[in-house]
C-alpha atoms as a PDB file:
ATOM      1  CA  MET A   1     -19.497 -15.747 -15.084  1.00  0.00           C
ATOM      2  CA  VAL A   2     -17.804 -15.603 -11.599  1.00  0.00           C
ATOM      3  CA  VAL A   3     -14.510 -17.266 -10.470  1.00  0.00           C
ATOM      4  CA  ALA A   4     -12.443 -17.532  -7.405  1.00  0.00           C
ATOM      5  CA  GLY A   5      -8.799 -17.454  -6.585  1.00  0.00           C
ATOM      6  CA  ILE A   6      -7.630 -18.496  -3.155  1.00  0.00           C
ATOM      7  CA  ASP A   7      -3.908 -17.990  -1.819  1.00  0.00           C
ATOM      8  CA  ALA A   8      -3.769 -20.337   1.196  1.00  0.00           C
ATOM      9  CA  GLY A   9      -0.822 -18.971   2.483  1.00  0.00           C
ATOM     10  CA  SER A  10       1.103 -20.010   6.145  1.00  0.00           C
ATOM     11  CA  THR A  11      -0.045 -17.288   7.880  1.00  0.00           C
ATOM     12  CA  ALA A  12      -3.252 -15.875   6.231  1.00  0.00           C
ATOM     13  CA  VAL A  13      -5.690 -17.345   3.602  1.00  0.00           C
ATOM     14  CA  LYS A  14      -6.694 -14.758   0.896  1.00  0.00           C
ATOM     15  CA  LEU A  15      -9.564 -15.040  -1.444  1.00  0.00           C
ATOM     16  CA  VAL A  16     -10.405 -12.922  -4.567  1.00  0.00           C
ATOM     17  CA  LEU A  17     -13.943 -13.173  -6.450  1.00  0.00           C
ATOM     18  CA  HIS A  18     -13.898 -11.684  -9.936  1.00  0.00           C
ATOM     19  CA  ASP A  19     -16.461 -11.298 -12.580  1.00  0.00           C
ATOM     20  CA  GLU A  20     -16.643  -9.159 -15.721  1.00  0.00           C
ATOM     21  CA  ASN A  21     -16.818  -5.806 -13.628  1.00  0.00           C
ATOM     22  CA  ARG A  22     -15.021  -6.158 -10.289  1.00  0.00           C
ATOM     23  CA  PHE A  23     -12.843  -7.999  -7.879  1.00  0.00           C
ATOM     24  CA  GLY A  24     -13.851  -8.635  -3.963  1.00  0.00           C
ATOM     25  CA  PHE A  25     -11.023  -9.290  -1.322  1.00  0.00           C
ATOM     26  CA  TRP A  26     -11.389 -11.503   1.657  1.00  0.00           C
ATOM     27  CA  GLN A  27      -8.869 -12.423   4.202  1.00  0.00           C
ATOM     28  CA  ARG A  28      -8.465 -14.688   7.394  1.00  0.00           C
ATOM     29  CA  PRO A  29      -5.623 -15.920   9.620  1.00  0.00           C
ATOM     30  CA  SER A  30      -4.864 -19.392   8.561  1.00  0.00           C
ATOM     31  CA  GLY A  31      -5.399 -20.951  11.767  1.00  0.00           C
ATOM     32  CA  TRP A  32      -4.822 -24.904  12.433  1.00  0.00           C
ATOM     33  CA  SER A  33      -6.442 -25.776   9.249  1.00  0.00           C
ATOM     34  CA  PRO A  34      -6.145 -23.647   6.375  1.00  0.00           C
ATOM     35  CA  GLY A  35      -8.253 -26.037   4.023  1.00  0.00           C
ATOM     36  CA  GLU A  36     -11.271 -25.426   6.483  1.00  0.00           C
ATOM     37  CA  THR A  37     -10.399 -21.501   6.634  1.00  0.00           C
ATOM     38  CA  ALA A  38     -10.505 -21.339   2.920  1.00  0.00           C
ATOM     39  CA  ARG A  39     -13.992 -23.128   2.750  1.00  0.00           C
ATOM     40  CA  GLU A  40     -15.570 -20.869   5.316  1.00  0.00           C
ATOM     41  CA  LEU A  41     -14.021 -17.955   3.693  1.00  0.00           C
ATOM     42  CA  LEU A  42     -15.288 -18.718   0.407  1.00  0.00           C
ATOM     43  CA  GLN A  43     -18.939 -19.234   1.936  1.00  0.00           C
ATOM     44  CA  GLU A  44     -18.798 -15.534   3.299  1.00  0.00           C
ATOM     45  CA  ALA A  45     -17.561 -14.103  -0.008  1.00  0.00           C
ATOM     46  CA  LEU A  46     -20.356 -15.889  -1.892  1.00  0.00           C
ATOM     47  CA  THR A  47     -22.802 -14.721   0.735  1.00  0.00           C
ATOM     48  CA  ALA A  48     -21.513 -11.412   0.301  1.00  0.00           C
ATOM     49  CA  TRP A  49     -21.989 -11.330  -3.588  1.00  0.00           C
ATOM     50  CA  GLY A  50     -25.268 -13.172  -3.487  1.00  0.00           C
ATOM     51  CA  ARG A  51     -23.830 -16.082  -4.940  1.00  0.00           C
ATOM     52  CA  THR A  52     -23.681 -20.172  -4.532  1.00  0.00           C
ATOM     53  CA  LYS A  53     -20.902 -22.404  -4.895  1.00  0.00           C
ATOM     54  CA  GLU A  54     -22.742 -24.026  -8.020  1.00  0.00           C
ATOM     55  CA  GLU A  55     -22.426 -20.402  -9.496  1.00  0.00           C
ATOM     56  CA  LEU A  56     -18.845 -20.379  -9.569  1.00  0.00           C
ATOM     57  CA  ALA A  57     -17.495 -21.176 -13.089  1.00  0.00           C
ATOM     58  CA  TYR A  58     -13.970 -21.973 -11.697  1.00  0.00           C
ATOM     59  CA  ILE A  59     -11.842 -22.235  -8.512  1.00  0.00           C
ATOM     60  CA  CYS A  60      -7.842 -21.662  -8.883  1.00  0.00           C
ATOM     61  CA  GLY A  61      -6.031 -22.259  -5.604  1.00  0.00           C
ATOM     62  CA  THR A  62      -2.149 -21.301  -4.637  1.00  0.00           C
ATOM     63  CA  GLY A  63       0.148 -21.062  -1.731  1.00  0.00           C
ATOM     64  CA  TYR A  64       1.464 -23.727   0.885  1.00  0.00           C
ATOM     65  CA  GLY A  65      -2.055 -24.753   1.829  1.00  0.00           C
ATOM     66  CA  ARG A  66      -3.587 -25.359  -1.653  1.00  0.00           C
ATOM     67  CA  VAL A  67      -3.067 -29.267  -1.416  1.00  0.00           C
ATOM     68  CA  ASN A  68      -5.374 -29.005   1.549  1.00  0.00           C
ATOM     69  CA  LEU A  69      -8.276 -27.706  -0.793  1.00  0.00           C
ATOM     70  CA  PRO A  70     -10.117 -30.392  -2.485  1.00  0.00           C
ATOM     71  CA  PHE A  71     -12.815 -28.139  -3.793  1.00  0.00           C
ATOM     72  CA  LEU A  72     -10.416 -26.676  -6.226  1.00  0.00           C
ATOM     73  CA  ASP A  73     -10.802 -27.043  -9.802  1.00  0.00           C
ATOM     74  CA  SER A  74      -6.978 -26.478 -10.186  1.00  0.00           C
ATOM     75  CA  ALA A  75      -3.688 -25.582  -8.246  1.00  0.00           C
ATOM     76  CA  VAL A  76      -1.024 -23.272  -9.538  1.00  0.00           C
ATOM     77  CA  THR A  77       2.321 -22.373  -8.268  1.00  0.00           C
ATOM     78  CA  GLU A  78       2.588 -19.404  -6.076  1.00  0.00           C
ATOM     79  CA  ILE A  79       5.473 -17.894  -8.707  1.00  0.00           C
ATOM     80  CA  ALA A  80       3.031 -18.169 -11.746  1.00  0.00           C
ATOM     81  CA  CYS A  81       0.085 -16.308  -9.540  1.00  0.00           C
ATOM     82  CA  HIS A  82       2.131 -13.469  -7.970  1.00  0.00           C
ATOM     83  CA  ALA A  83       3.370 -12.623 -11.506  1.00  0.00           C
ATOM     84  CA  ARG A  84       0.394 -12.582 -12.937  1.00  0.00           C
ATOM     85  CA  GLY A  85      -1.625 -10.695  -9.901  1.00  0.00           C
ATOM     86  CA  ALA A  86       1.462  -8.388  -9.725  1.00  0.00           C
ATOM     87  CA  VAL A  87       1.138  -7.536 -13.369  1.00  0.00           C
ATOM     88  CA  HIS A  88      -2.533  -6.733 -12.861  1.00  0.00           C
ATOM     89  CA  LEU A  89      -2.118  -4.518 -10.104  1.00  0.00           C
ATOM     90  CA  ARG A  90       1.125  -2.575 -11.518  1.00  0.00           C
ATOM     91  CA  PRO A  91       1.154  -2.912 -15.762  1.00  0.00           C
ATOM     92  CA  GLY A  92       4.679  -2.685 -16.691  1.00  0.00           C
ATOM     93  CA  VAL A  93       6.503  -4.150 -13.607  1.00  0.00           C
ATOM     94  CA  ARG A  94       9.648  -6.255 -14.316  1.00  0.00           C
ATOM     95  CA  LEU A  95      10.648  -7.306 -10.747  1.00  0.00           C
ATOM     96  CA  VAL A  96       8.184  -8.784  -8.226  1.00  0.00           C
ATOM     97  CA  ILE A  97       9.617  -9.124  -4.371  1.00  0.00           C
ATOM     98  CA  ASP A  98       6.979 -11.292  -2.510  1.00  0.00           C
ATOM     99  CA  ILE A  99       7.785 -11.638   1.226  1.00  0.00           C
ATOM    100  CA  GLY A 100       5.341 -13.905   2.816  1.00  0.00           C
ATOM    101  CA  GLY A 101       5.146 -15.829   6.351  1.00  0.00           C
ATOM    102  CA  GLN A 102       7.413 -18.642   5.248  1.00  0.00           C
ATOM    103  CA  ASP A 103       9.559 -17.655   2.514  1.00  0.00           C
ATOM    104  CA  ALA A 104      10.846 -14.519   0.124  1.00  0.00           C
ATOM    105  CA  LYS A 105      10.788 -14.596  -3.610  1.00  0.00           C
ATOM    106  CA  GLY A 106      12.009 -12.394  -6.509  1.00  0.00           C
ATOM    107  CA  ILE A 107      10.468 -12.912  -9.789  1.00  0.00           C
ATOM    108  CA  LEU A 108      11.420 -11.422 -13.069  1.00  0.00           C
ATOM    109  CA  VAL A 109       8.289 -11.237 -15.392  1.00  0.00           C
ATOM    110  CA  SER A 110       7.031 -10.150 -18.592  1.00  0.00           C
ATOM    111  CA  SER A 111       4.932  -7.695 -19.863  1.00  0.00           C
ATOM    112  CA  THR A 112       1.965 -10.415 -19.907  1.00  0.00           C
ATOM    113  CA  GLY A 113       2.954 -11.869 -16.308  1.00  0.00           C
ATOM    114  CA  ARG A 114       4.964 -14.634 -17.864  1.00  0.00           C
ATOM    115  CA  VAL A 115       7.685 -15.775 -15.331  1.00  0.00           C
ATOM    116  CA  ILE A 116      11.309 -15.139 -17.017  1.00  0.00           C
ATOM    117  CA  ASP A 117      13.163 -16.140 -13.933  1.00  0.00           C
ATOM    118  CA  PHE A 118      12.766 -16.385 -10.016  1.00  0.00           C
ATOM    119  CA  VAL A 119      14.865 -16.869  -7.014  1.00  0.00           C
ATOM    120  CA  MET A 120      13.535 -18.160  -3.662  1.00  0.00           C
ATOM    121  CA  ASN A 121      14.370 -18.459   0.029  1.00  0.00           C
ATOM    122  CA  ASP A 122      12.500 -21.079   1.662  1.00  0.00           C
ATOM    123  CA  LYS A 123      14.964 -23.068   3.784  1.00  0.00           C
ATOM    124  CA  CYS A 124      15.645 -20.341   6.543  1.00  0.00           C
ATOM    125  CA  ALA A 125      13.068 -18.093   8.294  1.00  0.00           C
ATOM    126  CA  ALA A 126      15.280 -15.150   8.044  1.00  0.00           C
ATOM    127  CA  GLY A 127      14.003 -12.382   5.357  1.00  0.00           C
ATOM    128  CA  THR A 128      10.489 -13.625   5.852  1.00  0.00           C
ATOM    129  CA  GLY A 129       7.485 -12.309   7.778  1.00  0.00           C
ATOM    130  CA  ARG A 130       8.148 -15.205  10.515  1.00  0.00           C
ATOM    131  CA  PHE A 131      11.559 -13.448  11.260  1.00  0.00           C
ATOM    132  CA  LEU A 132       9.652 -10.163  11.942  1.00  0.00           C
ATOM    133  CA  ALA A 133       6.906 -11.945  13.844  1.00  0.00           C
ATOM    134  CA  VAL A 134       9.209 -13.556  16.244  1.00  0.00           C
ATOM    135  CA  MET A 135      11.256 -10.502  16.595  1.00  0.00           C
ATOM    136  CA  ALA A 136       7.828  -8.469  17.531  1.00  0.00           C
ATOM    137  CA  HIS A 137       7.579 -11.331  20.276  1.00  0.00           C
ATOM    138  CA  ALA A 138      10.945 -10.485  21.228  1.00  0.00           C
ATOM    139  CA  LEU A 139      10.171  -6.712  21.500  1.00  0.00           C
ATOM    140  CA  GLY A 140       6.976  -7.480  23.345  1.00  0.00           C
ATOM    141  CA  MET A 141       4.826  -5.725  20.393  1.00  0.00           C
ATOM    142  CA  GLU A 142       2.946  -6.658  17.520  1.00  0.00           C
ATOM    143  CA  VAL A 143       4.246  -7.314  14.243  1.00  0.00           C
ATOM    144  CA  ALA A 144       1.716  -5.030  12.515  1.00  0.00           C
ATOM    145  CA  ASP A 145       3.139  -2.063  14.991  1.00  0.00           C
ATOM    146  CA  MET A 146       6.732  -2.231  13.363  1.00  0.00           C
ATOM    147  CA  GLY A 147       6.158  -0.437  10.167  1.00  0.00           C
ATOM    148  CA  ALA A 148       5.916   2.834  11.756  1.00  0.00           C
ATOM    149  CA  CYS A 149       9.712   2.459  12.119  1.00  0.00           C
ATOM    150  CA  ILE A 150      11.242   3.747   9.026  1.00  0.00           C
ATOM    151  CA  PRO A 151      15.376   3.157   8.667  1.00  0.00           C
ATOM    152  CA  GLY A 152      16.777   6.317   8.598  1.00  0.00           C
ATOM    153  CA  SER A 153      14.236   8.416   9.856  1.00  0.00           C
ATOM    154  CA  VAL A 154      15.461  10.730  12.862  1.00  0.00           C
ATOM    155  CA  GLU A 155      13.434   8.973  15.382  1.00  0.00           C
ATOM    156  CA  ALA A 156      14.746   5.567  14.144  1.00  0.00           C
ATOM    157  CA  GLN A 157      18.579   5.221  13.190  1.00  0.00           C
ATOM    158  CA  PRO A 158      19.125   1.587  12.800  1.00  0.00           C
ATOM    159  CA  GLN A 159      20.861  -0.412  15.272  1.00  0.00           C
ATOM    160  CA  PRO A 160      22.536  -2.963  12.979  1.00  0.00           C
ATOM    161  CA  ILE A 161      21.574  -6.820  13.831  1.00  0.00           C
ATOM    162  CA  ASN A 162      24.463  -9.011  13.088  1.00  0.00           C
ATOM    163  CA  ALA A 163      22.896 -12.336  13.351  1.00  0.00           C
ATOM    164  CA  MET A 164      21.349 -13.930  10.237  1.00  0.00           C
ATOM    165  CA  CYS A 165      19.754 -16.849  11.942  1.00  0.00           C
ATOM    166  CA  THR A 166      16.157 -16.065  13.302  1.00  0.00           C
ATOM    167  CA  VAL A 167      17.249 -17.751  16.725  1.00  0.00           C
ATOM    168  CA  PHE A 168      20.376 -16.210  17.195  1.00  0.00           C
ATOM    169  CA  ALA A 169      19.276 -12.349  16.159  1.00  0.00           C
ATOM    170  CA  GLU A 170      16.225 -13.114  18.828  1.00  0.00           C
ATOM    171  CA  SER A 171      18.956 -13.547  21.609  1.00  0.00           C
ATOM    172  CA  GLU A 172      20.462 -10.622  20.013  1.00  0.00           C
ATOM    173  CA  VAL A 173      17.665  -8.057  20.091  1.00  0.00           C
ATOM    174  CA  ILE A 174      16.888  -9.451  23.851  1.00  0.00           C
ATOM    175  CA  GLY A 175      20.534  -8.385  24.631  1.00  0.00           C
ATOM    176  CA  LEU A 176      20.271  -4.965  22.943  1.00  0.00           C
ATOM    177  CA  LEU A 177      16.994  -4.271  24.765  1.00  0.00           C
ATOM    178  CA  ASN A 178      19.015  -5.088  28.140  1.00  0.00           C
ATOM    179  CA  GLN A 179      21.646  -2.814  27.183  1.00  0.00           C
ATOM    180  CA  GLY A 180      18.741   0.190  27.054  1.00  0.00           C
ATOM    181  CA  ILE A 181      18.953   0.413  23.151  1.00  0.00           C
ATOM    182  CA  ASP A 182      15.856   2.281  21.979  1.00  0.00           C
ATOM    183  CA  ARG A 183      13.105  -0.063  20.622  1.00  0.00           C
ATOM    184  CA  ARG A 184      12.596   2.030  17.552  1.00  0.00           C
ATOM    185  CA  ALA A 185      16.423   1.864  16.442  1.00  0.00           C
ATOM    186  CA  ILE A 186      16.138  -2.177  16.955  1.00  0.00           C
ATOM    187  CA  ILE A 187      13.200  -2.388  14.604  1.00  0.00           C
ATOM    188  CA  ALA A 188      14.815   0.001  11.985  1.00  0.00           C
ATOM    189  CA  GLY A 189      17.790  -2.359  12.133  1.00  0.00           C
ATOM    190  CA  LEU A 190      15.769  -5.552  11.900  1.00  0.00           C
ATOM    191  CA  HIS A 191      14.014  -3.867   8.636  1.00  0.00           C
ATOM    192  CA  GLN A 192      17.404  -3.450   7.416  1.00  0.00           C
ATOM    193  CA  SER A 193      18.505  -6.833   8.111  1.00  0.00           C
ATOM    194  CA  VAL A 194      15.400  -8.218   6.109  1.00  0.00           C
ATOM    195  CA  ALA A 195      16.322  -5.676   3.243  1.00  0.00           C
ATOM    196  CA  ARG A 196      19.851  -6.621   3.080  1.00  0.00           C
ATOM    197  CA  ARG A 197      18.971 -10.395   2.874  1.00  0.00           C
ATOM    198  CA  VAL A 198      16.278 -10.147   0.231  1.00  0.00           C
ATOM    199  CA  SER A 199      18.105  -7.370  -1.912  1.00  0.00           C
ATOM    200  CA  ALA A 200      21.283  -9.817  -1.971  1.00  0.00           C
ATOM    201  CA  MET A 201      18.969 -12.504  -3.370  1.00  0.00           C
ATOM    202  CA  VAL A 202      17.199 -10.556  -6.055  1.00  0.00           C
ATOM    203  CA  ALA A 203      20.365  -9.118  -7.281  1.00  0.00           C
ATOM    204  CA  ARG A 204      20.878 -12.342  -9.037  1.00  0.00           C
ATOM    205  CA  LEU A 205      17.870 -11.723 -11.596  1.00  0.00           C
ATOM    206  CA  GLY A 206      19.743  -8.406 -12.505  1.00  0.00           C
ATOM    207  CA  ALA A 207      16.354  -6.932 -13.221  1.00  0.00           C
ATOM    208  CA  PRO A 208      15.763  -3.317 -13.543  1.00  0.00           C
ATOM    209  CA  GLY A 209      12.694  -1.450 -12.366  1.00  0.00           C
ATOM    210  CA  PRO A 210       9.849  -1.007 -12.094  1.00  0.00           C
ATOM    211  CA  VAL A 211       9.822  -3.208  -8.880  1.00  0.00           C
ATOM    212  CA  LEU A 212       6.461  -4.051  -6.824  1.00  0.00           C
ATOM    213  CA  PHE A 213       6.618  -5.505  -3.427  1.00  0.00           C
ATOM    214  CA  THR A 214       3.635  -8.107  -2.822  1.00  0.00           C
ATOM    215  CA  GLY A 215       3.134 -10.374   0.186  1.00  0.00           C
ATOM    216  CA  GLY A 216       1.622  -9.943   3.653  1.00  0.00           C
ATOM    217  CA  VAL A 217       4.894  -8.202   4.874  1.00  0.00           C
ATOM    218  CA  ALA A 218       4.364  -5.484   1.676  1.00  0.00           C
ATOM    219  CA  ARG A 219       1.986  -3.717   4.563  1.00  0.00           C
ATOM    220  CA  ASN A 220       5.342  -2.758   6.477  1.00  0.00           C
ATOM    221  CA  ALA A 221       6.469   0.756   5.142  1.00  0.00           C
ATOM    222  CA  GLY A 222       9.482   0.128   6.993  1.00  0.00           C
ATOM    223  CA  VAL A 223      10.929  -2.863   5.081  1.00  0.00           C
ATOM    224  CA  ARG A 224       9.533  -1.134   1.828  1.00  0.00           C
ATOM    225  CA  ALA A 225      11.629   2.108   2.797  1.00  0.00           C
ATOM    226  CA  ALA A 226      14.861  -0.422   3.756  1.00  0.00           C
ATOM    227  CA  LEU A 227      14.539  -2.065   0.411  1.00  0.00           C
ATOM    228  CA  GLU A 228      14.395   0.943  -1.504  1.00  0.00           C
ATOM    229  CA  LYS A 229      17.650   1.924  -0.006  1.00  0.00           C
ATOM    230  CA  ALA A 230      19.049  -1.305  -0.317  1.00  0.00           C
ATOM    231  CA  LEU A 231      18.277  -1.561  -4.129  1.00  0.00           C
ATOM    232  CA  GLY A 232      18.740   1.798  -5.125  1.00  0.00           C
ATOM    233  CA  CYS A 233      15.495   2.337  -6.768  1.00  0.00           C
ATOM    234  CA  PRO A 234      11.772   3.221  -5.714  1.00  0.00           C
ATOM    235  CA  VAL A 235       9.626  -0.009  -4.552  1.00  0.00           C
ATOM    236  CA  GLU A 236       5.839   0.392  -5.221  1.00  0.00           C
ATOM    237  CA  VAL A 237       3.297  -1.066  -2.864  1.00  0.00           C
ATOM    238  CA  LYS A 238      -0.397  -1.227  -4.123  1.00  0.00           C
ATOM    239  CA  GLU A 239      -3.437  -1.160  -1.897  1.00  0.00           C
ATOM    240  CA  GLN A 240      -3.970  -4.940  -2.886  1.00  0.00           C
ATOM    241  CA  SER A 241      -0.327  -6.123  -2.959  1.00  0.00           C
ATOM    242  CA  PRO A 242      -1.077  -8.603  -0.130  1.00  0.00           C
ATOM    243  CA  PHE A 243      -3.662 -10.302  -2.542  1.00  0.00           C
ATOM    244  CA  ALA A 244      -1.227 -10.503  -5.555  1.00  0.00           C
ATOM    245  CA  GLY A 245      -1.313 -14.435  -5.236  1.00  0.00           C
ATOM    246  CA  ALA A 246      -5.026 -14.412  -4.909  1.00  0.00           C
ATOM    247  CA  ILE A 247      -5.695 -11.983  -7.858  1.00  0.00           C
ATOM    248  CA  GLY A 248      -3.328 -14.109 -10.190  1.00  0.00           C
ATOM    249  CA  ALA A 249      -5.148 -17.404  -9.189  1.00  0.00           C
ATOM    250  CA  ALA A 250      -8.381 -15.652  -9.963  1.00  0.00           C
ATOM    251  CA  LEU A 251      -7.301 -14.330 -13.419  1.00  0.00           C
ATOM    252  CA  ILE A 252      -6.057 -17.945 -14.376  1.00  0.00           C
ATOM    253  CA  ALA A 253      -9.091 -19.098 -13.411  1.00  0.00           C
ATOM    254  CA  ARG A 254     -11.241 -16.811 -15.610  1.00  0.00           C
ATOM    255  CA  GLU A 255      -9.170 -17.893 -18.599  1.00  0.00           C
ATOM    256  CA  LYS A 256      -9.705 -21.318 -17.625  1.00  0.00           C
ATOM    257  CA  ALA A 257     -13.206 -21.006 -17.425  1.00  0.00           C
ATOM    258  CA  ALA A 258     -13.175 -19.446 -20.880  1.00  0.00           C
ATOM    259  CA  GLY A 259     -11.596 -22.570 -22.283  1.00  0.00           C
END
């Protein structure tokens, strides 16, 4: 039995195929139409596995774009899917920190992946992947290259970023560049800013470790290091952390297909 989980996010569509023995992972930028991107990605994945859409037992979707996926069998909230996916990736995890393109979430989970409580920032870009993308543009670099600057390292002592608003922070970054401040120090300061905002948000959950970092920003080693310093505990990242939502959707799809 093959099932699919699709996480149609604001910046990327992630897809997972799952059968009794394995998981397969695919990802593409969301583009102008997450629905069309998801449809194409599903066909690519099925072709890679030598399957047809008719052979899929169930398709479960999540993410901002899930409402634009008419071919789904069901849609589930991001919170529920990330919780399930995180427990699969890291059994025993208690706190999930998910930072995606448009929001940041903290999820307190049970050992089975049930959501106990959560907090979420979806009203402001600060502390999200969008914040880092805007800052990368201001710095004249790719957002993927920012992760090499680890806050507190000899090469990157953080330059404090005072503005909380993304628009004002962008102006502040441009001003710092014009003052001749080392770009690596600015990046480290930006990572520190994200970590402060997210750690203050998840503190309301009062969760002990272990902590798992998911979402696209989990690939940024600088943000991870800053989170560890702000939280005062290790923050784990798994190879498939960015796929946590799609993995959770696939696991839920498998349950629903089995009845």
